């Protein structure tokens, strides 16, 4: 099986990695490594004979974590930090309109499907709102905790 990274390569994890139950001493679902963290590949293996899995040593955390190839980029690759990631709940900060139609009113809750860091400038997200999937810039979104705090102060 062909793999992108090799032993000793420095890599960056592109999304938060949570314990799926295979990391000892940490409750399932707890955060193991935050997106953007840099580590070194110490082993390359496979899972179910069709997925490349890298054991990455995150020196600053003192943890070795199994990461799928799609969760990693080279440490020297361009990296734009993002506020949200896949499966996170978000709220529209402003009313989102397309073709003169309101697609999501300000305050509408949605869920991030995908983070798009490849575009120049601001990070964009594919977000599913009731009845629509929209490509939304980061500046047009709020986290639910910010939305709740804003509503409480109004």
N, C-alpha and C. Protein backbone atom coordinates (compact mmCIF):
# COMPACT_ATOMS: atom_id res chain seq x y z
N UNK A 1 0.85 -1.17 0.00
CA UNK A 1 0.00 0.00 0.00
C UNK A 1 0.90 1.25 0.00
N UNK A 2 0.60 2.19 -0.88
CA UNK A 2 1.39 3.41 -1.01
C UNK A 2 0.98 4.38 0.10
N UNK A 3 1.98 5.01 0.72
CA UNK A 3 1.67 5.98 1.77
C UNK A 3 2.38 7.29 1.48
N UNK A 4 1.79 8.38 1.96
CA UNK A 4 2.30 9.73 1.71
C UNK A 4 3.46 10.10 2.61
N UNK A 5 3.45 9.63 3.83
CA UNK A 5 4.46 10.01 4.80
C UNK A 5 5.30 8.80 5.17
N UNK A 6 6.50 9.07 5.70
CA UNK A 6 7.41 7.98 6.05
C UNK A 6 7.94 8.23 7.46
N UNK A 7 8.65 7.25 7.98
CA UNK A 7 9.25 7.34 9.32
C UNK A 7 10.06 8.62 9.45
N UNK A 8 9.86 9.34 10.54
CA UNK A 8 10.61 10.56 10.81
C UNK A 8 10.02 11.82 10.22
N UNK A 9 9.05 11.70 9.31
CA UNK A 9 8.44 12.90 8.73
C UNK A 9 7.71 13.69 9.80
N UNK A 10 7.78 15.01 9.68
CA UNK A 10 7.06 15.90 10.58
C UNK A 10 5.73 16.23 9.94
N UNK A 11 4.65 16.00 10.68
CA UNK A 11 3.29 16.17 10.15
C UNK A 11 2.45 17.03 11.09
N UNK A 12 1.36 17.55 10.53
CA UNK A 12 0.40 18.34 11.30
C UNK A 12 -0.95 17.64 11.19
N UNK A 13 -1.66 17.54 12.31
CA UNK A 13 -3.00 16.94 12.31
C UNK A 13 -4.00 18.04 11.95
N UNK A 14 -4.92 17.73 11.01
CA UNK A 14 -5.81 18.76 10.47
C UNK A 14 -7.16 18.85 11.19
N UNK A 15 -7.43 17.92 12.07
CA UNK A 15 -8.67 17.99 12.85
C UNK A 15 -8.43 17.44 14.24
N UNK A 16 -9.29 17.82 15.17
CA UNK A 16 -9.17 17.29 16.52
C UNK A 16 -9.28 15.77 16.49
N UNK A 17 -8.41 15.11 17.23
CA UNK A 17 -8.47 13.65 17.33
C UNK A 17 -8.98 13.31 18.73
N UNK A 18 -10.07 12.57 18.77
CA UNK A 18 -10.67 12.15 20.03
C UNK A 18 -10.48 10.65 20.21
N UNK A 19 -10.52 10.23 21.45
CA UNK A 19 -10.34 8.81 21.75
C UNK A 19 -11.55 8.02 21.25
N UNK A 20 -11.28 7.06 20.37
CA UNK A 20 -12.34 6.19 19.87
C UNK A 20 -12.47 4.93 20.72
N UNK A 21 -11.81 4.93 21.86
CA UNK A 21 -11.85 3.79 22.76
C UNK A 21 -10.59 2.95 22.70
N UNK A 22 -9.67 3.30 21.80
CA UNK A 22 -8.44 2.51 21.64
C UNK A 22 -7.25 3.11 22.36
N UNK A 23 -7.39 4.31 22.94
CA UNK A 23 -6.28 4.94 23.66
C UNK A 23 -6.49 4.71 25.15
N UNK A 24 -5.59 3.98 25.80
CA UNK A 24 -5.78 3.63 27.21
C UNK A 24 -5.64 4.82 28.16
N UNK A 25 -6.45 4.78 29.20
CA UNK A 25 -6.34 5.78 30.26
C UNK A 25 -7.07 7.08 29.99
N UNK A 26 -7.76 7.17 28.86
CA UNK A 26 -8.51 8.38 28.51
C UNK A 26 -9.91 7.93 28.13
N UNK A 27 -10.92 8.61 28.68
CA UNK A 27 -12.31 8.25 28.38
C UNK A 27 -12.61 8.39 26.90
N UNK A 28 -13.43 7.51 26.38
CA UNK A 28 -13.86 7.56 24.99
C UNK A 28 -14.53 8.91 24.72
N UNK A 29 -14.16 9.52 23.61
CA UNK A 29 -14.70 10.82 23.23
C UNK A 29 -13.87 12.00 23.67
N UNK A 30 -12.95 11.78 24.61
CA UNK A 30 -12.11 12.89 25.08
C UNK A 30 -11.06 13.26 24.03
N UNK A 31 -10.72 14.54 24.02
CA UNK A 31 -9.73 15.06 23.08
C UNK A 31 -8.34 14.50 23.38
N UNK A 32 -7.70 13.98 22.33
CA UNK A 32 -6.32 13.48 22.46
C UNK A 32 -5.32 14.48 21.90
N UNK A 33 -5.63 15.03 20.72
CA UNK A 33 -4.73 15.97 20.06
C UNK A 33 -5.57 17.04 19.37
N UNK A 34 -5.22 18.30 19.59
CA UNK A 34 -5.93 19.42 18.98
C UNK A 34 -5.45 19.65 17.55
N UNK A 35 -6.39 19.98 16.65
CA UNK A 35 -6.03 20.26 15.27
C UNK A 35 -4.94 21.33 15.21
N UNK A 36 -4.00 21.13 14.28
CA UNK A 36 -2.88 22.05 14.15
C UNK A 36 -1.63 21.58 14.87
N UNK A 37 -1.76 20.58 15.76
CA UNK A 37 -0.60 20.07 16.49
C UNK A 37 0.37 19.38 15.54
N UNK A 38 1.65 19.48 15.87
CA UNK A 38 2.71 18.91 15.03
C UNK A 38 3.36 17.74 15.76
N UNK A 39 3.62 16.66 15.01
CA UNK A 39 4.28 15.49 15.56
C UNK A 39 5.15 14.83 14.52
N UNK A 40 5.74 13.69 14.88
CA UNK A 40 6.65 12.96 14.00
C UNK A 40 6.13 11.53 13.80
N UNK A 41 6.17 11.08 12.54
CA UNK A 41 5.73 9.72 12.21
C UNK A 41 6.76 8.74 12.77
N UNK A 42 6.29 7.79 13.60
CA UNK A 42 7.18 6.76 14.16
C UNK A 42 6.85 5.37 13.65
N UNK A 43 5.70 5.22 12.97
CA UNK A 43 5.33 3.92 12.42
C UNK A 43 4.27 4.11 11.35
N UNK A 44 4.28 3.22 10.36
CA UNK A 44 3.28 3.24 9.30
C UNK A 44 2.67 1.84 9.24
N UNK A 45 1.34 1.77 9.30
CA UNK A 45 0.66 0.48 9.23
C UNK A 45 -0.62 0.60 8.44
N UNK A 46 -1.42 -0.45 8.49
CA UNK A 46 -2.71 -0.43 7.80
C UNK A 46 -3.80 -0.90 8.74
N UNK A 47 -5.02 -0.52 8.40
CA UNK A 47 -6.21 -0.96 9.13
C UNK A 47 -7.17 -1.53 8.10
N UNK A 48 -7.64 -2.74 8.33
CA UNK A 48 -8.56 -3.43 7.42
C UNK A 48 -8.01 -3.52 6.00
N UNK A 49 -6.72 -3.50 5.87
CA UNK A 49 -6.00 -3.66 4.61
C UNK A 49 -6.31 -2.60 3.56
N UNK A 50 -7.04 -1.54 3.93
CA UNK A 50 -7.32 -0.50 2.93
C UNK A 50 -7.13 0.92 3.44
N UNK A 51 -6.70 1.06 4.70
CA UNK A 51 -6.46 2.39 5.25
C UNK A 51 -5.05 2.45 5.82
N UNK A 52 -4.32 3.50 5.43
CA UNK A 52 -3.00 3.71 6.00
C UNK A 52 -3.18 4.41 7.34
N UNK A 53 -2.52 3.88 8.37
CA UNK A 53 -2.56 4.46 9.71
C UNK A 53 -1.13 4.79 10.11
N UNK A 54 -0.93 6.02 10.57
CA UNK A 54 0.38 6.46 11.02
C UNK A 54 0.38 6.58 12.53
N UNK A 55 1.41 6.06 13.17
CA UNK A 55 1.60 6.34 14.59
C UNK A 55 2.42 7.62 14.64
N UNK A 56 1.84 8.65 15.23
CA UNK A 56 2.48 9.96 15.28
C UNK A 56 2.79 10.29 16.73
N UNK A 57 4.05 10.65 16.98
CA UNK A 57 4.48 11.03 18.33
C UNK A 57 4.39 12.55 18.45
N UNK A 58 3.49 13.00 19.30
CA UNK A 58 3.33 14.41 19.59
C UNK A 58 4.16 14.69 20.84
N UNK A 59 5.40 15.15 20.61
CA UNK A 59 6.37 15.31 21.69
C UNK A 59 5.86 16.24 22.79
N UNK A 60 5.23 17.36 22.41
CA UNK A 60 4.78 18.32 23.42
C UNK A 60 3.68 17.77 24.31
N UNK A 61 2.95 16.74 23.82
CA UNK A 61 1.90 16.12 24.62
C UNK A 61 2.35 14.83 25.28
N UNK A 62 3.49 14.30 24.81
CA UNK A 62 3.97 13.02 25.32
C UNK A 62 3.05 11.87 24.94
N UNK A 63 2.41 11.99 23.75
CA UNK A 63 1.46 10.96 23.31
C UNK A 63 1.82 10.46 21.92
N UNK A 64 1.60 9.16 21.72
CA UNK A 64 1.68 8.57 20.39
C UNK A 64 0.26 8.18 20.00
N UNK A 65 -0.20 8.74 18.89
CA UNK A 65 -1.59 8.60 18.47
C UNK A 65 -1.63 8.01 17.07
N UNK A 66 -2.56 7.10 16.84
CA UNK A 66 -2.80 6.59 15.49
C UNK A 66 -3.65 7.57 14.71
N UNK A 67 -3.15 7.98 13.53
CA UNK A 67 -3.86 8.95 12.70
C UNK A 67 -4.06 8.40 11.29
N UNK A 68 -5.23 8.65 10.73
CA UNK A 68 -5.48 8.27 9.34
C UNK A 68 -4.80 9.27 8.41
N UNK A 69 -4.46 8.80 7.22
CA UNK A 69 -3.73 9.65 6.28
C UNK A 69 -4.48 10.96 5.99
N UNK A 70 -5.81 10.91 5.87
CA UNK A 70 -6.56 12.12 5.54
C UNK A 70 -6.60 13.13 6.69
N UNK A 71 -6.13 12.73 7.87
CA UNK A 71 -6.08 13.65 9.01
C UNK A 71 -4.75 14.39 9.10
N UNK A 72 -3.83 14.11 8.18
CA UNK A 72 -2.47 14.67 8.28
C UNK A 72 -2.07 15.44 7.03
N UNK A 73 -1.26 16.46 7.25
CA UNK A 73 -0.57 17.16 6.17
C UNK A 73 0.88 17.32 6.62
N UNK A 74 1.76 17.60 5.69
CA UNK A 74 3.14 17.88 6.06
C UNK A 74 3.20 19.12 6.94
N UNK A 75 4.11 19.13 7.89
CA UNK A 75 4.20 20.26 8.82
C UNK A 75 4.55 21.56 8.11
N UNK A 76 5.21 21.47 6.96
CA UNK A 76 5.59 22.67 6.22
C UNK A 76 4.50 23.11 5.24
N UNK A 77 3.42 22.36 5.11
CA UNK A 77 2.30 22.74 4.22
C UNK A 77 1.59 23.95 4.82
N UNK A 78 1.02 24.79 3.96
CA UNK A 78 0.28 25.94 4.50
C UNK A 78 -0.82 25.49 5.46
N UNK A 79 -0.95 26.21 6.55
CA UNK A 79 -1.95 25.86 7.56
C UNK A 79 -2.67 27.12 7.99
N UNK A 80 -3.98 27.10 7.89
CA UNK A 80 -4.81 28.21 8.35
C UNK A 80 -5.66 27.67 9.50
N UNK A 81 -5.44 28.16 10.71
CA UNK A 81 -6.26 27.69 11.84
C UNK A 81 -7.73 28.02 11.61
N UNK A 82 -8.61 27.19 12.15
CA UNK A 82 -10.05 27.43 12.02
C UNK A 82 -10.70 27.38 13.40
N UNK A 83 -11.84 28.06 13.51
CA UNK A 83 -12.57 28.07 14.78
C UNK A 83 -13.43 26.84 14.97
N UNK A 84 -13.88 26.25 13.86
CA UNK A 84 -14.81 25.13 13.93
C UNK A 84 -14.26 23.94 13.16
N UNK A 85 -14.85 22.77 13.36
CA UNK A 85 -14.47 21.60 12.59
C UNK A 85 -15.71 20.75 12.32
N UNK A 86 -15.52 19.70 11.54
CA UNK A 86 -16.64 18.83 11.17
C UNK A 86 -17.43 18.37 12.39
N UNK A 87 -18.73 18.34 12.22
CA UNK A 87 -19.70 17.87 13.20
C UNK A 87 -19.95 18.86 14.34
N UNK A 88 -19.31 20.03 14.32
CA UNK A 88 -19.58 21.03 15.37
C UNK A 88 -20.85 21.79 15.03
N UNK A 89 -21.60 22.13 16.07
CA UNK A 89 -22.79 22.96 15.92
C UNK A 89 -22.34 24.41 15.82
N UNK A 90 -23.00 25.17 14.94
CA UNK A 90 -22.72 26.59 14.77
C UNK A 90 -24.04 27.32 14.58
N UNK A 91 -24.01 28.64 14.71
CA UNK A 91 -25.17 29.48 14.43
C UNK A 91 -24.78 30.50 13.38
N UNK A 92 -25.73 30.86 12.53
CA UNK A 92 -25.50 31.93 11.56
C UNK A 92 -25.42 33.25 12.32
N UNK A 93 -24.33 33.99 12.11
CA UNK A 93 -24.16 35.29 12.77
C UNK A 93 -25.03 36.35 12.09
N UNK A 94 -25.23 36.16 10.79
CA UNK A 94 -26.03 37.07 9.97
C UNK A 94 -27.02 36.23 9.17
N UNK A 95 -28.03 36.88 8.60
CA UNK A 95 -28.96 36.18 7.72
C UNK A 95 -28.22 35.82 6.44
N UNK A 96 -28.31 34.55 6.03
CA UNK A 96 -27.62 34.07 4.84
C UNK A 96 -28.62 34.02 3.68
N UNK A 97 -28.26 34.71 2.60
CA UNK A 97 -29.16 34.88 1.47
C UNK A 97 -28.47 34.38 0.20
N UNK A 98 -29.23 33.72 -0.67
CA UNK A 98 -28.72 33.28 -1.97
C UNK A 98 -29.80 33.51 -3.01
N UNK A 99 -29.46 34.22 -4.08
CA UNK A 99 -30.44 34.49 -5.13
C UNK A 99 -31.65 35.25 -4.63
N UNK A 100 -31.46 36.10 -3.63
CA UNK A 100 -32.56 36.88 -3.09
C UNK A 100 -33.44 36.13 -2.10
N UNK A 101 -33.13 34.84 -1.86
CA UNK A 101 -33.92 34.03 -0.92
C UNK A 101 -33.16 33.87 0.39
N UNK A 102 -33.87 33.95 1.50
CA UNK A 102 -33.25 33.70 2.81
C UNK A 102 -33.06 32.20 2.95
N UNK A 103 -31.81 31.80 3.13
CA UNK A 103 -31.48 30.38 3.27
C UNK A 103 -31.36 29.99 4.75
N UNK A 104 -30.91 30.94 5.57
CA UNK A 104 -30.81 30.71 7.02
C UNK A 104 -30.84 32.07 7.70
N UNK A 105 -31.80 32.27 8.56
CA UNK A 105 -31.90 33.53 9.30
C UNK A 105 -30.80 33.60 10.35
N UNK A 106 -30.44 34.81 10.72
CA UNK A 106 -29.45 35.00 11.79
C UNK A 106 -29.91 34.22 13.01
N UNK A 107 -28.98 33.49 13.63
CA UNK A 107 -29.28 32.70 14.82
C UNK A 107 -29.66 31.26 14.52
N UNK A 108 -29.90 30.93 13.25
CA UNK A 108 -30.27 29.56 12.89
C UNK A 108 -29.10 28.62 13.18
N UNK A 109 -29.39 27.50 13.82
CA UNK A 109 -28.34 26.52 14.11
C UNK A 109 -28.09 25.63 12.91
N UNK A 110 -26.82 25.32 12.69
CA UNK A 110 -26.41 24.39 11.65
C UNK A 110 -25.31 23.49 12.17
N UNK A 111 -24.87 22.59 11.31
CA UNK A 111 -23.78 21.68 11.66
C UNK A 111 -22.74 21.69 10.55
N UNK A 112 -21.47 21.83 10.93
CA UNK A 112 -20.39 21.86 9.97
C UNK A 112 -20.21 20.46 9.37
N UNK A 113 -20.24 20.41 8.04
CA UNK A 113 -20.00 19.16 7.33
C UNK A 113 -18.53 19.04 6.94
N UNK A 114 -17.93 20.18 6.53
CA UNK A 114 -16.57 20.14 6.03
C UNK A 114 -15.91 21.50 6.21
N UNK A 115 -14.62 21.48 6.51
CA UNK A 115 -13.81 22.70 6.63
C UNK A 115 -13.03 22.86 5.33
N UNK A 116 -13.05 24.06 4.76
CA UNK A 116 -12.33 24.35 3.52
C UNK A 116 -11.24 25.38 3.81
N UNK A 117 -10.02 24.90 3.96
CA UNK A 117 -8.89 25.78 4.21
C UNK A 117 -8.12 26.12 2.93
N UNK A 118 -8.49 25.47 1.82
CA UNK A 118 -7.72 25.59 0.59
C UNK A 118 -7.92 26.94 -0.10
N UNK A 119 -9.05 27.58 0.14
CA UNK A 119 -9.33 28.86 -0.52
C UNK A 119 -8.40 29.94 0.04
N UNK A 120 -7.97 30.87 -0.83
CA UNK A 120 -7.16 31.97 -0.30
C UNK A 120 -7.99 32.84 0.64
N UNK A 121 -7.34 33.34 1.65
CA UNK A 121 -8.05 34.21 2.60
C UNK A 121 -8.71 33.43 3.71
N UNK A 122 -9.95 33.78 3.99
CA UNK A 122 -10.70 33.26 5.12
C UNK A 122 -11.10 31.79 4.94
N UNK A 123 -11.14 31.07 6.05
CA UNK A 123 -11.62 29.69 6.06
C UNK A 123 -13.12 29.70 5.76
N UNK A 124 -13.57 28.73 4.97
CA UNK A 124 -14.99 28.55 4.67
C UNK A 124 -15.42 27.17 5.16
N UNK A 125 -16.73 27.02 5.34
CA UNK A 125 -17.29 25.78 5.84
C UNK A 125 -18.49 25.39 4.99
N UNK A 126 -18.67 24.09 4.78
CA UNK A 126 -19.94 23.59 4.27
C UNK A 126 -20.75 23.30 5.52
N UNK A 127 -21.90 23.98 5.63
CA UNK A 127 -22.74 23.87 6.82
C UNK A 127 -24.13 23.44 6.39
N UNK A 128 -24.67 22.47 7.10
CA UNK A 128 -26.05 22.06 6.84
C UNK A 128 -26.96 22.82 7.80
N UNK A 129 -27.82 23.65 7.21
CA UNK A 129 -28.87 24.35 7.93
C UNK A 129 -30.18 23.66 7.55
N UNK A 130 -31.25 23.84 8.30
CA UNK A 130 -32.51 23.18 7.94
C UNK A 130 -32.89 23.45 6.47
N UNK A 131 -32.88 22.38 5.68
CA UNK A 131 -33.28 22.48 4.28
C UNK A 131 -32.20 22.89 3.30
N UNK A 132 -31.00 23.24 3.76
CA UNK A 132 -29.97 23.74 2.85
C UNK A 132 -28.57 23.36 3.33
N UNK A 133 -27.70 23.13 2.37
CA UNK A 133 -26.26 23.03 2.65
C UNK A 133 -25.63 24.25 2.01
N UNK A 134 -24.93 25.04 2.82
CA UNK A 134 -24.36 26.30 2.34
C UNK A 134 -22.85 26.34 2.56
N UNK A 135 -22.16 27.04 1.68
CA UNK A 135 -20.73 27.33 1.86
C UNK A 135 -20.66 28.70 2.52
N UNK A 136 -20.13 28.74 3.75
CA UNK A 136 -20.22 29.94 4.58
C UNK A 136 -18.83 30.35 5.06
N UNK A 137 -18.48 31.65 4.97
CA UNK A 137 -17.21 32.10 5.52
C UNK A 137 -17.24 32.07 7.05
N UNK A 138 -16.08 31.87 7.65
CA UNK A 138 -15.98 31.79 9.11
C UNK A 138 -16.58 33.01 9.80
N UNK A 139 -16.41 34.19 9.20
CA UNK A 139 -16.90 35.43 9.82
C UNK A 139 -18.43 35.47 9.92
N UNK A 140 -19.14 34.61 9.19
CA UNK A 140 -20.61 34.60 9.22
C UNK A 140 -21.16 33.59 10.22
N UNK A 141 -20.27 32.97 11.02
CA UNK A 141 -20.71 31.94 11.95
C UNK A 141 -20.33 32.28 13.39
N UNK A 142 -21.13 31.79 14.32
CA UNK A 142 -20.86 31.90 15.75
C UNK A 142 -20.94 30.51 16.37
N UNK A 143 -20.19 30.32 17.44
CA UNK A 143 -20.34 29.07 18.19
C UNK A 143 -21.61 29.21 19.02
N UNK A 144 -22.28 28.10 19.35
CA UNK A 144 -23.49 28.18 20.16
C UNK A 144 -23.28 28.91 21.49
N UNK A 145 -22.10 28.76 22.10
CA UNK A 145 -21.85 29.44 23.38
C UNK A 145 -21.78 30.94 23.19
N UNK A 146 -21.23 31.43 22.08
CA UNK A 146 -21.18 32.86 21.80
C UNK A 146 -22.58 33.37 21.52
N UNK A 147 -23.37 32.61 20.76
CA UNK A 147 -24.74 32.97 20.44
C UNK A 147 -25.56 33.10 21.73
N UNK A 148 -25.41 32.16 22.64
CA UNK A 148 -26.16 32.18 23.90
C UNK A 148 -25.75 33.39 24.73
N UNK A 149 -24.46 33.70 24.77
CA UNK A 149 -23.98 34.85 25.53
C UNK A 149 -24.48 36.16 24.92
N UNK A 150 -24.52 36.24 23.58
CA UNK A 150 -25.00 37.43 22.88
C UNK A 150 -26.48 37.63 23.17
N UNK A 151 -27.25 36.56 23.11
CA UNK A 151 -28.69 36.65 23.37
C UNK A 151 -28.97 37.06 24.82
N UNK A 152 -28.16 36.55 25.74
CA UNK A 152 -28.36 36.87 27.15
C UNK A 152 -28.07 38.33 27.45
N UNK A 153 -27.12 38.93 26.72
CA UNK A 153 -26.75 40.32 26.99
C UNK A 153 -27.65 41.30 26.26
N UNK A 154 -28.49 40.83 25.35
CA UNK A 154 -29.36 41.73 24.56
C UNK A 154 -30.58 42.14 25.33
